[in-house]
Amino acid sequence: IWIILARLIPAYVISVLVFIFCPNGFLGIDPVTFCVCVTSANAALYMGIIPPYADNSDRATFPIMLILSMPLLPFIVISSLGTSSGDAGMLGKIMQIIALLLPFLLGFLLGNLDPKIREVFKGGNTIILPFLGFQFGSTINLAKALTSGSVWIAAIVLIIIYWAVTLIIPYVVDRFALRRPGYAAVASASVAGVSLSIPPMFASYTFGGVAYSSDMISNATLILAIVLLVTNILDPFFTKWTMNYYFK
């Protein structure tokens, strides 16, 4: 919980400041994209890469991380910072969030009612990771990604900011306050695929007098896809290097 708080509190504070002082964004990164990115954590990848090192405390982090990285919390925070031109699509957006939460809540309930269910799905993360990777890759518009230098600049800047927010403070807390190796903080420093579904939810919103247009949504999805791809490829290596450094 301390690691998650060390991730989320700075992330949301910085996001609010970006919404207030940079409503037009910076370096091609709009406030919605920024907030969605820095507050995201790929709980599925976390559970896929920590088994060689994990103990029960690390495994217990998964459901909390999963709940907080769902669209519900970013949606509440971002929507409170803008104004909607209509509530016609609000019910649909809420249903999207409920649809994402239901499988998790059902698994949470059944897994605690019958421990045998845990054994049945124990290896599920290993099976599903290749499919998640396929889904990540399919969201990237390769033609636009290759021809748009501004998108790559924005993605690289956002990757650096993301790791600065999600790695430094959580690692310090994990390593020196909790007296643990630090791999749990590092293993959670990757963007979740569900984050790509959040920008379209704000199609009818205005932030600081700036309307969130369809072009901005398309740009946000592409930037987040690149950040997602890079962070999900490199994070397992970062986790392994962290463990090697700790034991050395």
Protein backbone atom coordinates (compact mmCIF):
# COMPACT_ATOMS: atom_id res chain seq x y z
CA ILE A 1 0.00 0.00 0.00
CA TRP A 2 2.84 2.41 0.80
CA ILE A 3 4.41 1.75 -2.61
CA ILE A 4 1.10 2.42 -4.37
CA LEU A 5 0.54 5.63 -2.40
CA ALA A 6 4.09 6.73 -3.21
CA ARG A 7 3.19 6.26 -6.89
CA LEU A 8 -0.28 7.78 -6.97
CA ILE A 9 -0.10 10.81 -4.67
CA PRO A 10 2.75 12.54 -6.60
CA ALA A 11 1.18 11.44 -9.92
CA TYR A 12 -2.21 13.01 -9.22
CA VAL A 13 -0.73 16.15 -7.65
CA ILE A 14 1.45 16.75 -10.73
CA SER A 15 -1.50 15.94 -13.03
CA VAL A 16 -3.72 18.55 -11.34
CA LEU A 17 -0.95 21.13 -11.73
CA VAL A 18 -0.68 20.31 -15.45
CA PHE A 19 -4.46 20.72 -15.87
CA ILE A 20 -4.35 24.11 -14.10
CA PHE A 21 -1.22 25.64 -15.59
CA CYS A 22 -0.98 23.86 -18.98
CA PRO A 23 -4.55 23.38 -20.28
CA ASN A 24 -3.13 23.25 -23.83
CA GLY A 25 -0.54 20.69 -22.76
CA PHE A 26 3.19 20.79 -23.41
CA LEU A 27 5.45 19.26 -26.06
CA GLY A 28 2.40 17.66 -27.68
CA ILE A 29 1.24 16.01 -24.45
CA ASP A 30 -2.26 17.07 -23.44
CA PRO A 31 -3.32 17.01 -19.74
CA VAL A 32 -5.61 13.98 -20.14
CA THR A 33 -2.84 11.90 -21.73
CA PHE A 34 -0.42 13.01 -19.03
CA CYS A 35 -2.75 12.06 -16.16
CA VAL A 36 -3.79 8.74 -17.71
CA CYS A 37 -0.15 7.78 -18.22
CA VAL A 38 1.49 8.74 -14.91
CA THR A 39 -1.30 7.20 -12.83
CA SER A 40 -1.28 3.88 -14.71
CA ALA A 41 0.21 0.60 -13.49
CA ASN A 42 0.07 -2.69 -15.36
CA ALA A 43 -1.02 -5.06 -12.59
CA ALA A 44 -1.16 -8.03 -14.99
CA LEU A 45 2.46 -7.58 -16.07
CA TYR A 46 3.44 -7.05 -12.43
CA MET A 47 1.99 -10.44 -11.54
CA GLY A 48 3.65 -11.96 -14.59
CA ILE A 49 7.22 -10.90 -13.75
CA ILE A 50 7.47 -11.07 -9.94
CA PRO A 51 6.91 -14.84 -9.33
CA PRO A 52 10.67 -15.63 -9.20
CA TYR A 53 11.11 -13.09 -6.39
CA ALA A 54 7.65 -12.56 -4.86
CA ASP A 55 6.33 -13.35 -1.40
CA ASN A 56 2.73 -13.19 -0.17
CA SER A 57 2.91 -9.44 0.44
CA ASP A 58 3.84 -8.84 -3.19
CA ARG A 59 0.99 -11.03 -4.42
CA ALA A 60 -1.46 -9.24 -2.13
CA THR A 61 -0.52 -5.97 -3.84
CA PHE A 62 -2.08 -7.14 -7.11
CA PRO A 63 -5.81 -6.57 -6.37
CA ILE A 64 -5.18 -3.12 -4.85
CA MET A 65 -3.02 -2.10 -7.80
CA LEU A 66 -5.59 -3.46 -10.25
CA ILE A 67 -8.47 -1.51 -8.68
CA LEU A 68 -6.52 1.76 -8.61
CA SER A 69 -5.28 1.36 -12.20
CA MET A 70 -8.80 0.78 -13.55
CA PRO A 71 -10.40 3.72 -15.42
CA LEU A 72 -12.70 4.58 -12.49
CA LEU A 73 -10.23 6.62 -10.42
CA PRO A 74 -8.61 8.52 -13.35
CA PHE A 75 -12.09 9.15 -14.77
CA ILE A 76 -13.33 10.67 -11.48
CA VAL A 77 -10.25 12.89 -11.11
CA ILE A 78 -10.09 14.04 -14.75
CA SER A 79 -13.85 14.64 -15.07
CA SER A 80 -13.79 16.80 -11.92
CA LEU A 81 -11.21 19.06 -13.61
CA GLY A 82 -13.31 19.67 -16.74
CA THR A 83 -16.84 20.36 -17.90
CA SER A 84 -18.96 18.09 -20.09
CA SER A 85 -21.07 19.46 -22.94
CA GLY A 86 -23.67 16.74 -22.36
CA ASP A 87 -24.45 13.76 -20.18
CA ALA A 88 -25.93 11.62 -22.97
CA GLY A 89 -22.91 9.35 -23.13
CA MET A 90 -22.22 9.33 -19.39
CA LEU A 91 -24.22 6.15 -18.76
CA GLY A 92 -22.27 4.33 -21.49
CA LYS A 93 -18.97 5.44 -19.94
CA ILE A 94 -20.07 4.26 -16.51
CA MET A 95 -21.11 0.90 -18.01
CA GLN A 96 -17.65 0.56 -19.61
CA ILE A 97 -16.05 0.99 -16.19
CA ILE A 98 -18.48 -1.48 -14.57
CA ALA A 99 -17.75 -4.02 -17.34
CA LEU A 100 -14.04 -3.78 -16.54
CA LEU A 101 -14.59 -4.14 -12.79
CA LEU A 102 -17.08 -7.04 -12.83
CA PRO A 103 -14.66 -9.86 -13.84
CA PHE A 104 -12.19 -8.74 -11.18
CA LEU A 105 -14.85 -8.50 -8.45
CA LEU A 106 -16.30 -11.90 -9.44
CA GLY A 107 -12.87 -13.53 -9.32
CA PHE A 108 -12.11 -11.81 -6.01
CA LEU A 109 -15.34 -13.13 -4.47
CA LEU A 110 -15.10 -16.70 -5.80
CA GLY A 111 -11.38 -16.98 -5.05
CA ASN A 112 -12.00 -16.14 -1.41
CA LEU A 113 -15.03 -18.41 -1.12
CA ASP A 114 -13.23 -21.44 -2.58
CA PRO A 115 -9.39 -21.58 -2.45
CA LYS A 116 -9.42 -24.33 -5.11
CA ILE A 117 -10.44 -21.72 -7.69
CA ARG A 118 -7.13 -19.96 -7.03
CA GLU A 119 -5.27 -23.12 -8.00
CA VAL A 120 -7.29 -23.46 -11.23
CA PHE A 121 -6.38 -19.93 -12.39
CA LYS A 122 -2.92 -19.83 -10.83
CA GLY A 123 -1.10 -19.96 -14.17
CA GLY A 124 -3.50 -17.65 -15.96
CA ASN A 125 -1.16 -14.65 -16.05
CA THR A 126 1.48 -16.58 -17.98
CA ILE A 127 -1.11 -17.64 -20.56
CA ILE A 128 -2.72 -14.22 -21.01
CA LEU A 129 0.46 -12.11 -21.34
CA PRO A 130 1.06 -12.99 -25.04
CA PHE A 131 -2.54 -12.01 -25.83
CA LEU A 132 -2.08 -8.72 -23.97
CA GLY A 133 1.05 -8.09 -26.03
CA PHE A 134 -0.90 -8.71 -29.23
CA GLN A 135 -3.58 -6.26 -28.10
CA PHE A 136 -0.95 -3.62 -27.25
CA GLY A 137 0.71 -3.89 -30.64
CA SER A 138 -2.55 -3.81 -32.59
CA THR A 139 -3.45 -0.38 -31.16
CA ILE A 140 -0.43 1.34 -32.75
CA ASN A 141 -1.05 3.09 -36.06
CA LEU A 142 2.33 2.24 -37.62
CA ALA A 143 1.97 4.64 -40.57
CA LYS A 144 1.20 7.60 -38.33
CA ALA A 145 3.83 6.58 -35.78
CA LEU A 146 6.57 6.44 -38.42
CA THR A 147 5.64 9.70 -40.13
CA SER A 148 4.94 11.84 -37.05
CA GLY A 149 8.12 12.99 -35.33
CA SER A 150 6.14 15.09 -32.84
CA VAL A 151 4.35 11.97 -31.58
CA TRP A 152 7.66 10.22 -30.89
CA ILE A 153 9.08 13.29 -29.12
CA ALA A 154 5.95 13.49 -26.95
CA ALA A 155 6.10 9.73 -26.24
CA ILE A 156 9.80 9.83 -25.28
CA VAL A 157 9.27 12.83 -22.98
CA LEU A 158 6.27 11.10 -21.40
CA ILE A 159 8.24 7.87 -20.87
CA ILE A 160 10.96 9.80 -19.02
CA ILE A 161 8.39 11.63 -16.87
CA TYR A 162 6.50 8.38 -16.23
CA TRP A 163 9.57 6.56 -14.95
CA ALA A 164 10.66 9.59 -12.92
CA VAL A 165 7.29 9.61 -11.14
CA THR A 166 6.69 5.85 -10.86
CA LEU A 167 10.23 4.59 -10.21
CA ILE A 168 12.21 7.05 -8.08
CA ILE A 169 9.91 7.77 -5.11
CA PRO A 170 8.33 4.27 -4.93
CA TYR A 171 11.78 2.63 -5.14
CA VAL A 172 13.12 4.84 -2.33
CA VAL A 173 10.08 3.99 -0.19
CA ASP A 174 10.33 0.26 -0.98
CA ARG A 175 14.08 0.03 -0.52
CA PHE A 176 14.79 2.31 2.40
CA ALA A 177 11.50 2.83 4.29
CA LEU A 178 10.12 -0.72 3.96
CA ARG A 179 13.61 -2.33 3.93
CA ARG A 180 12.80 -4.54 0.95
CA PRO A 181 14.79 -5.24 -2.26
CA GLY A 182 12.82 -2.72 -4.33
CA TYR A 183 11.70 -5.06 -7.10
CA ALA A 184 7.98 -4.59 -6.28
CA ALA A 185 8.21 -0.87 -6.98
CA VAL A 186 10.13 -1.45 -10.21
CA ALA A 187 7.88 -4.29 -11.42
CA SER A 188 4.84 -2.02 -11.34
CA ALA A 189 6.41 0.73 -13.49
CA SER A 190 4.67 -0.07 -16.78
CA VAL A 191 1.54 1.35 -18.41
CA ALA A 192 -1.62 -0.77 -18.48
CA GLY A 193 -3.42 -1.52 -21.74
CA VAL A 194 -6.71 -0.34 -20.25
CA SER A 195 -5.30 3.20 -20.14
CA LEU A 196 -5.86 3.47 -23.92
CA SER A 197 -9.62 3.28 -23.33
CA ILE A 198 -9.71 6.37 -21.08
CA PRO A 199 -9.06 9.35 -23.46
CA PRO A 200 -12.12 8.56 -25.67
CA MET A 201 -14.29 8.86 -22.55
CA PHE A 202 -13.65 12.63 -22.55
CA ALA A 203 -14.74 13.36 -26.13
CA SER A 204 -17.40 15.85 -24.93
CA TYR A 205 -15.26 17.55 -22.28
CA THR A 206 -13.60 20.96 -22.07
CA PHE A 207 -10.56 21.55 -19.86
CA GLY A 208 -9.57 25.11 -19.01
CA GLY A 209 -11.52 26.40 -22.01
CA VAL A 210 -9.83 23.90 -24.36
CA ALA A 211 -12.16 21.37 -26.02
CA TYR A 212 -10.89 17.79 -26.09
CA SER A 213 -11.13 17.17 -29.83
CA SER A 214 -11.11 13.92 -31.80
CA ASP A 215 -7.61 14.74 -33.10
CA MET A 216 -6.35 15.07 -29.53
CA ILE A 217 -7.95 11.74 -28.64
CA SER A 218 -6.32 10.03 -31.63
CA ASN A 219 -2.97 11.60 -30.74
CA ALA A 220 -3.36 10.55 -27.09
CA THR A 221 -4.09 6.94 -28.03
CA LEU A 222 -0.99 6.74 -30.24
CA ILE A 223 1.29 8.34 -27.63
CA LEU A 224 -0.02 6.06 -24.88
CA ALA A 225 0.41 3.01 -27.13
CA ILE A 226 4.09 3.85 -27.71
CA VAL A 227 4.67 4.50 -23.99
CA LEU A 228 2.87 1.26 -23.17
CA LEU A 229 4.97 -0.71 -25.66
CA VAL A 230 8.31 0.65 -24.40
CA THR A 231 7.54 0.39 -20.67
CA ASN A 232 6.14 -3.14 -20.96
CA ILE A 233 9.19 -4.36 -22.90
CA LEU A 234 11.80 -2.78 -20.60
CA ASP A 235 10.17 -3.16 -17.17
CA PRO A 236 10.92 -6.91 -16.79
CA PHE A 237 14.61 -6.15 -17.46
CA PHE A 238 14.58 -3.31 -14.92
CA THR A 239 13.08 -5.70 -12.36
CA LYS A 240 15.75 -8.33 -13.00
CA TRP A 241 18.55 -5.74 -12.80
CA THR A 242 17.11 -4.48 -9.50
CA MET A 243 17.28 -7.96 -8.00
CA ASN A 244 20.79 -8.56 -9.33
CA TYR A 245 21.96 -5.26 -7.84
CA TYR A 246 20.30 -6.02 -4.49
CA PHE A 247 21.89 -9.47 -4.12
CA LYS A 248 25.25 -8.23 -5.40
